[in-house]
Protein backbone atom coordinates (compact mmCIF):
# COMPACT_ATOMS: atom_id res chain seq x y z
CA MET A 1 8.76 86.33 -132.14
CA GLU A 2 11.78 85.58 -130.20
CA LYS A 3 13.51 89.07 -130.12
CA VAL A 4 17.21 89.69 -130.88
CA PHE A 5 19.11 92.83 -128.90
CA CYS A 6 22.24 94.63 -129.69
CA CYS A 7 23.19 94.18 -126.21
CA GLU A 8 22.53 92.87 -122.60
CA SER A 9 21.34 95.80 -120.91
CA MET A 10 18.98 96.65 -123.70
CA LYS A 11 17.88 93.35 -123.48
CA GLU A 12 17.35 93.57 -119.45
CA ASN A 13 15.56 97.14 -119.70
CA THR A 14 13.06 96.24 -122.64
CA LEU A 15 9.47 96.23 -122.34
CA LEU A 16 8.18 94.08 -125.30
CA GLN A 17 4.25 93.80 -124.76
CA GLN A 18 1.91 95.56 -126.76
CA PRO A 19 0.68 99.07 -125.25
CA ASN A 20 -2.82 97.68 -124.93
CA ASP A 21 -2.59 97.59 -121.33
CA ASP A 22 -2.10 101.02 -119.46
CA VAL A 23 -1.54 99.76 -115.98
CA ALA A 24 1.20 97.36 -117.36
CA PHE A 25 2.52 100.05 -119.45
CA ALA A 26 3.00 102.92 -117.18
CA SER A 27 3.92 100.87 -114.16
CA SER A 28 6.82 99.33 -115.53
CA ASP A 29 10.32 99.68 -114.02
CA LYS A 30 11.65 99.02 -118.10
CA LEU A 31 13.19 102.49 -119.52
CA ILE A 32 12.56 101.21 -123.24
CA TYR A 33 9.67 100.00 -125.13
CA TYR A 34 9.72 97.63 -128.20
CA ASN A 35 6.67 98.15 -130.58
CA GLU A 36 6.10 94.89 -132.67
CA ILE A 37 3.78 96.48 -134.93
CA PHE A 38 6.22 99.01 -135.99
CA GLY A 39 9.20 97.46 -135.23
CA GLU A 40 10.54 100.76 -133.00
CA TYR A 41 12.25 101.39 -129.74
CA GLY A 42 11.41 104.31 -127.55
CA LEU A 43 11.66 105.61 -123.90
CA ILE A 44 8.83 105.01 -121.94
CA VAL A 45 7.10 108.22 -120.84
CA HIS A 46 5.92 107.45 -117.64
CA ASP A 47 2.52 109.88 -118.10
CA GLY A 48 -0.23 107.33 -116.91
CA GLY A 49 -1.21 106.54 -120.86
CA GLN A 50 1.17 104.40 -123.70
CA SER A 51 3.52 107.30 -124.63
CA TYR A 52 7.26 106.57 -125.61
CA ILE A 53 9.74 108.83 -127.65
CA ILE A 54 11.32 106.91 -130.28
CA VAL A 55 14.63 106.60 -130.10
CA ASN A 56 17.47 105.61 -133.20
CA PHE A 57 20.25 104.45 -131.02
CA CYS A 58 20.72 102.31 -127.93
CA PRO A 59 21.04 104.29 -125.26
CA TRP A 60 23.86 101.65 -124.10
CA CYS A 61 25.83 100.65 -126.68
CA GLY A 62 25.20 103.21 -129.39
CA LYS A 63 24.21 100.86 -132.00
CA LYS A 64 21.97 101.94 -134.73
CA LEU A 65 18.18 100.76 -134.45
CA PRO A 66 15.95 99.40 -137.19
CA ILE A 67 14.47 102.26 -138.74
CA SER A 68 10.64 102.51 -137.47
CA GLU A 69 8.23 101.03 -140.15
CA ARG A 70 5.31 102.95 -138.64
CA ASP A 71 4.98 105.16 -141.97
CA ASN A 72 4.60 102.00 -144.13
CA TRP A 73 2.25 100.27 -141.80
CA PHE A 74 -0.16 103.29 -142.73
CA LEU A 75 1.08 103.20 -146.05
CA ALA A 76 -0.53 99.53 -146.50
CA LEU A 77 -3.62 100.08 -144.68
CA GLU A 78 -4.38 103.38 -146.53
CA LYS A 79 -3.75 101.04 -149.95
CA LEU A 80 -6.29 98.64 -148.73
CA GLY A 81 -8.83 101.49 -148.15
CA TYR A 82 -8.29 101.99 -144.30
CA ASP A 83 -8.46 106.24 -143.39
CA SER A 84 -8.74 105.83 -139.75
CA PRO A 85 -6.81 102.39 -138.41
CA PHE A 86 -7.06 102.94 -134.75
CA GLU A 87 -11.03 103.35 -135.27
CA GLU A 88 -11.89 101.06 -138.00
CA GLU A 89 -11.52 96.95 -137.54
CA ILE A 90 -8.08 96.27 -139.76
CA PRO A 91 -6.69 92.88 -140.95
CA GLU A 92 -5.81 91.04 -138.37
CA GLN A 93 -2.57 90.74 -139.73
CA PHE A 94 -1.93 94.27 -138.86
CA LYS A 95 -2.12 94.05 -135.17
CA SER A 96 1.52 92.38 -135.06
CA SER A 97 4.50 91.88 -136.93
CA ASP A 98 2.68 89.64 -138.91
CA TRP A 99 2.10 92.70 -141.88
CA ARG A 100 5.76 93.20 -142.16
CA LYS A 101 6.60 89.73 -143.25
CA ARG A 102 4.21 89.90 -146.42
């Protein structure tokens, strides 16, 4: 998926991978994380894990960023009968941004 950024600084400072590799996530020199599944941006917390703090505006140019789809992700899975999506095997489409395209 080709991501469009609001400014060059945002592009240069954003980690695009999914946070499934603690080492890559924690050792990244990037400041911002883009979560493709939820369509949200966050400031990376370098605590050795996969933590980030959601941001609503670009730290460089001030442009409003897209609203997180996190709540909608949980609601969509709940409608399909999944109560604990991080502990259950969920449909493949929910492991990427594909679920938002339907």
